[in-house]
N, C-alpha and C. Protein backbone atom coordinates (compact mmCIF):
# COMPACT_ATOMS: atom_id res chain seq x y z
N UNK A 1 79.55 41.57 -48.03
CA UNK A 1 78.21 41.90 -47.62
C UNK A 1 77.38 40.61 -47.61
N UNK A 2 76.54 40.49 -46.61
CA UNK A 2 75.68 39.31 -46.48
C UNK A 2 74.66 39.28 -47.62
N UNK A 3 74.49 38.12 -48.26
CA UNK A 3 73.48 38.02 -49.32
C UNK A 3 72.08 38.23 -48.75
N UNK A 4 71.23 38.82 -49.55
CA UNK A 4 69.85 39.05 -49.16
C UNK A 4 69.01 37.90 -49.73
N UNK A 5 68.35 37.18 -48.83
CA UNK A 5 67.49 36.09 -49.28
C UNK A 5 66.10 36.63 -49.55
N UNK A 6 65.32 35.84 -50.26
CA UNK A 6 63.94 36.22 -50.54
C UNK A 6 63.16 36.36 -49.23
N UNK A 7 63.45 35.50 -48.27
CA UNK A 7 62.77 35.57 -46.98
C UNK A 7 63.13 36.87 -46.24
N UNK A 8 64.39 37.25 -46.29
CA UNK A 8 64.82 38.50 -45.66
C UNK A 8 64.11 39.70 -46.31
N UNK A 9 64.04 39.67 -47.63
CA UNK A 9 63.38 40.75 -48.35
C UNK A 9 61.90 40.82 -47.94
N UNK A 10 61.23 39.67 -47.89
CA UNK A 10 59.81 39.65 -47.51
C UNK A 10 59.61 40.20 -46.11
N UNK A 11 60.50 39.85 -45.21
CA UNK A 11 60.41 40.36 -43.84
C UNK A 11 60.53 41.88 -43.83
N UNK A 12 61.48 42.38 -44.62
CA UNK A 12 61.70 43.83 -44.68
C UNK A 12 60.52 44.55 -45.33
N UNK A 13 60.05 44.03 -46.46
CA UNK A 13 59.00 44.72 -47.22
C UNK A 13 57.68 44.73 -46.47
N UNK A 14 57.46 43.77 -45.59
CA UNK A 14 56.21 43.71 -44.83
C UNK A 14 56.33 44.32 -43.44
N UNK A 15 57.49 44.81 -43.10
CA UNK A 15 57.71 45.43 -41.80
C UNK A 15 56.85 46.70 -41.66
N UNK A 16 56.30 46.94 -40.47
CA UNK A 16 55.54 48.18 -40.26
C UNK A 16 56.38 49.44 -40.51
N UNK A 17 57.66 49.37 -40.22
CA UNK A 17 58.53 50.52 -40.46
C UNK A 17 58.65 50.78 -41.96
N UNK A 18 58.89 49.73 -42.73
CA UNK A 18 59.00 49.88 -44.18
C UNK A 18 57.70 50.41 -44.76
N UNK A 19 56.58 49.86 -44.30
CA UNK A 19 55.28 50.32 -44.79
C UNK A 19 55.07 51.81 -44.49
N UNK A 20 55.49 52.25 -43.31
CA UNK A 20 55.36 53.66 -42.95
C UNK A 20 56.25 54.53 -43.83
N UNK A 21 57.49 54.11 -44.02
CA UNK A 21 58.42 54.87 -44.87
C UNK A 21 57.86 54.97 -46.29
N UNK A 22 57.35 53.87 -46.83
CA UNK A 22 56.77 53.90 -48.17
C UNK A 22 55.58 54.85 -48.22
N UNK A 23 54.77 54.86 -47.18
CA UNK A 23 53.62 55.76 -47.12
C UNK A 23 54.06 57.22 -47.15
N UNK A 24 55.08 57.54 -46.37
CA UNK A 24 55.60 58.91 -46.36
C UNK A 24 56.17 59.28 -47.73
N UNK A 25 56.89 58.36 -48.35
CA UNK A 25 57.46 58.63 -49.67
C UNK A 25 56.37 58.81 -50.73
N UNK A 26 55.32 58.00 -50.66
CA UNK A 26 54.21 58.15 -51.60
C UNK A 26 53.56 59.53 -51.46
N UNK A 27 53.36 59.96 -50.23
CA UNK A 27 52.77 61.28 -49.98
C UNK A 27 53.68 62.39 -50.50
N UNK A 28 54.98 62.25 -50.27
CA UNK A 28 55.94 63.24 -50.76
C UNK A 28 55.92 63.29 -52.28
N UNK A 29 55.84 62.14 -52.92
CA UNK A 29 55.80 62.09 -54.38
C UNK A 29 54.55 62.79 -54.91
N UNK A 30 53.43 62.58 -54.25
CA UNK A 30 52.20 63.25 -54.67
C UNK A 30 52.32 64.76 -54.52
N UNK A 31 52.94 65.22 -53.45
CA UNK A 31 53.15 66.65 -53.26
C UNK A 31 54.05 67.22 -54.35
N UNK A 32 55.08 66.48 -54.69
CA UNK A 32 55.98 66.93 -55.76
C UNK A 32 55.24 67.02 -57.09
N UNK A 33 54.42 66.02 -57.38
CA UNK A 33 53.65 66.04 -58.63
C UNK A 33 52.68 67.22 -58.66
N UNK A 34 52.03 67.50 -57.54
CA UNK A 34 51.14 68.66 -57.46
C UNK A 34 51.92 69.95 -57.72
N UNK A 35 53.12 70.02 -57.15
CA UNK A 35 53.96 71.19 -57.37
C UNK A 35 54.33 71.35 -58.83
N UNK A 36 54.57 70.24 -59.52
CA UNK A 36 54.87 70.29 -60.96
C UNK A 36 53.67 70.83 -61.73
N UNK A 37 52.50 70.32 -61.43
CA UNK A 37 51.28 70.75 -62.11
C UNK A 37 51.05 72.25 -61.90
N UNK A 38 51.37 72.72 -60.72
CA UNK A 38 51.15 74.13 -60.39
C UNK A 38 52.32 75.04 -60.74
N UNK A 39 53.37 74.46 -61.32
CA UNK A 39 54.52 75.26 -61.74
C UNK A 39 55.32 75.84 -60.59
N UNK A 40 55.43 75.11 -59.49
CA UNK A 40 56.11 75.61 -58.29
C UNK A 40 57.63 75.45 -58.30
N UNK A 41 58.19 74.79 -59.29
CA UNK A 41 59.62 74.47 -59.26
C UNK A 41 60.36 75.10 -60.43
N UNK A 42 61.56 75.59 -60.15
CA UNK A 42 62.41 76.12 -61.21
C UNK A 42 62.98 74.97 -62.05
N UNK A 43 63.40 73.91 -61.38
CA UNK A 43 64.02 72.78 -62.07
C UNK A 43 63.04 71.61 -62.11
N UNK A 44 62.15 71.62 -63.08
CA UNK A 44 61.15 70.56 -63.18
C UNK A 44 61.79 69.21 -63.44
N UNK A 45 62.89 69.18 -64.18
CA UNK A 45 63.54 67.90 -64.48
C UNK A 45 64.09 67.25 -63.21
N UNK A 46 64.62 68.05 -62.30
CA UNK A 46 65.13 67.51 -61.03
C UNK A 46 63.98 66.92 -60.22
N UNK A 47 62.85 67.58 -60.20
CA UNK A 47 61.68 67.10 -59.46
C UNK A 47 61.16 65.82 -60.10
N UNK A 48 61.12 65.79 -61.42
CA UNK A 48 60.69 64.57 -62.11
C UNK A 48 61.63 63.41 -61.79
N UNK A 49 62.93 63.69 -61.72
CA UNK A 49 63.90 62.66 -61.36
C UNK A 49 63.68 62.15 -59.95
N UNK A 50 63.36 63.06 -59.04
CA UNK A 50 63.07 62.66 -57.66
C UNK A 50 61.82 61.79 -57.63
N UNK A 51 60.80 62.16 -58.37
CA UNK A 51 59.57 61.37 -58.43
C UNK A 51 59.84 59.97 -58.99
N UNK A 52 60.67 59.89 -60.02
CA UNK A 52 61.02 58.58 -60.59
C UNK A 52 61.81 57.74 -59.59
N UNK A 53 62.72 58.37 -58.87
CA UNK A 53 63.52 57.65 -57.87
C UNK A 53 62.62 57.10 -56.76
N UNK A 54 61.69 57.92 -56.30
CA UNK A 54 60.76 57.46 -55.26
C UNK A 54 59.93 56.29 -55.80
N UNK A 55 59.43 56.41 -57.01
CA UNK A 55 58.61 55.34 -57.60
C UNK A 55 59.42 54.05 -57.71
N UNK A 56 60.66 54.17 -58.13
CA UNK A 56 61.52 52.97 -58.23
C UNK A 56 61.72 52.32 -56.88
N UNK A 57 61.89 53.12 -55.85
CA UNK A 57 62.14 52.59 -54.51
C UNK A 57 60.89 51.92 -53.93
N UNK A 58 59.74 52.58 -54.05
CA UNK A 58 58.54 52.05 -53.41
C UNK A 58 57.93 50.88 -54.17
N UNK A 59 58.40 50.60 -55.37
CA UNK A 59 57.91 49.46 -56.13
C UNK A 59 58.95 48.36 -56.26
N UNK A 60 60.01 48.44 -55.48
CA UNK A 60 61.10 47.48 -55.58
C UNK A 60 60.61 46.07 -55.27
N UNK A 61 61.14 45.13 -56.00
CA UNK A 61 60.84 43.72 -55.78
C UNK A 61 62.15 42.99 -55.57
N UNK A 62 62.07 41.82 -55.00
CA UNK A 62 63.26 41.04 -54.69
C UNK A 62 64.13 40.86 -55.93
N UNK A 63 63.48 40.59 -57.05
CA UNK A 63 64.22 40.36 -58.29
C UNK A 63 64.98 41.59 -58.77
N UNK A 64 64.61 42.76 -58.28
CA UNK A 64 65.30 44.00 -58.66
C UNK A 64 66.64 44.16 -57.96
N UNK A 65 66.83 43.41 -56.87
CA UNK A 65 68.07 43.51 -56.12
C UNK A 65 69.20 42.81 -56.85
N UNK A 66 70.38 43.31 -56.64
CA UNK A 66 71.56 42.63 -57.17
C UNK A 66 71.93 41.56 -56.15
N UNK A 67 71.31 40.41 -56.29
CA UNK A 67 71.50 39.35 -55.29
C UNK A 67 72.77 38.56 -55.52
N UNK A 68 73.47 38.83 -56.60
CA UNK A 68 74.74 38.16 -56.88
C UNK A 68 75.84 39.20 -56.85
N UNK A 69 76.48 39.42 -55.67
CA UNK A 69 77.47 40.49 -55.54
C UNK A 69 78.71 40.30 -56.41
N UNK A 70 78.90 39.14 -57.01
CA UNK A 70 80.09 38.94 -57.83
C UNK A 70 79.93 39.53 -59.22
N UNK A 71 78.74 40.01 -59.56
CA UNK A 71 78.53 40.63 -60.87
C UNK A 71 79.31 41.92 -61.00
């Protein structure tokens, strides 16, 4: 796999497509949290896990990537 450079990451993170995807994910996360508050889900832990996964994705930084594939 091709290594990801900091410049490549910056290009991706600032892309209009990435920004739109992050916006949609943020909105989805807010809806999930509202559903938790209102008791709309049988499996609250699964919803919390989804919210955490979305948060991890939308706050990703270059340093979070495994930039050394030999690890």
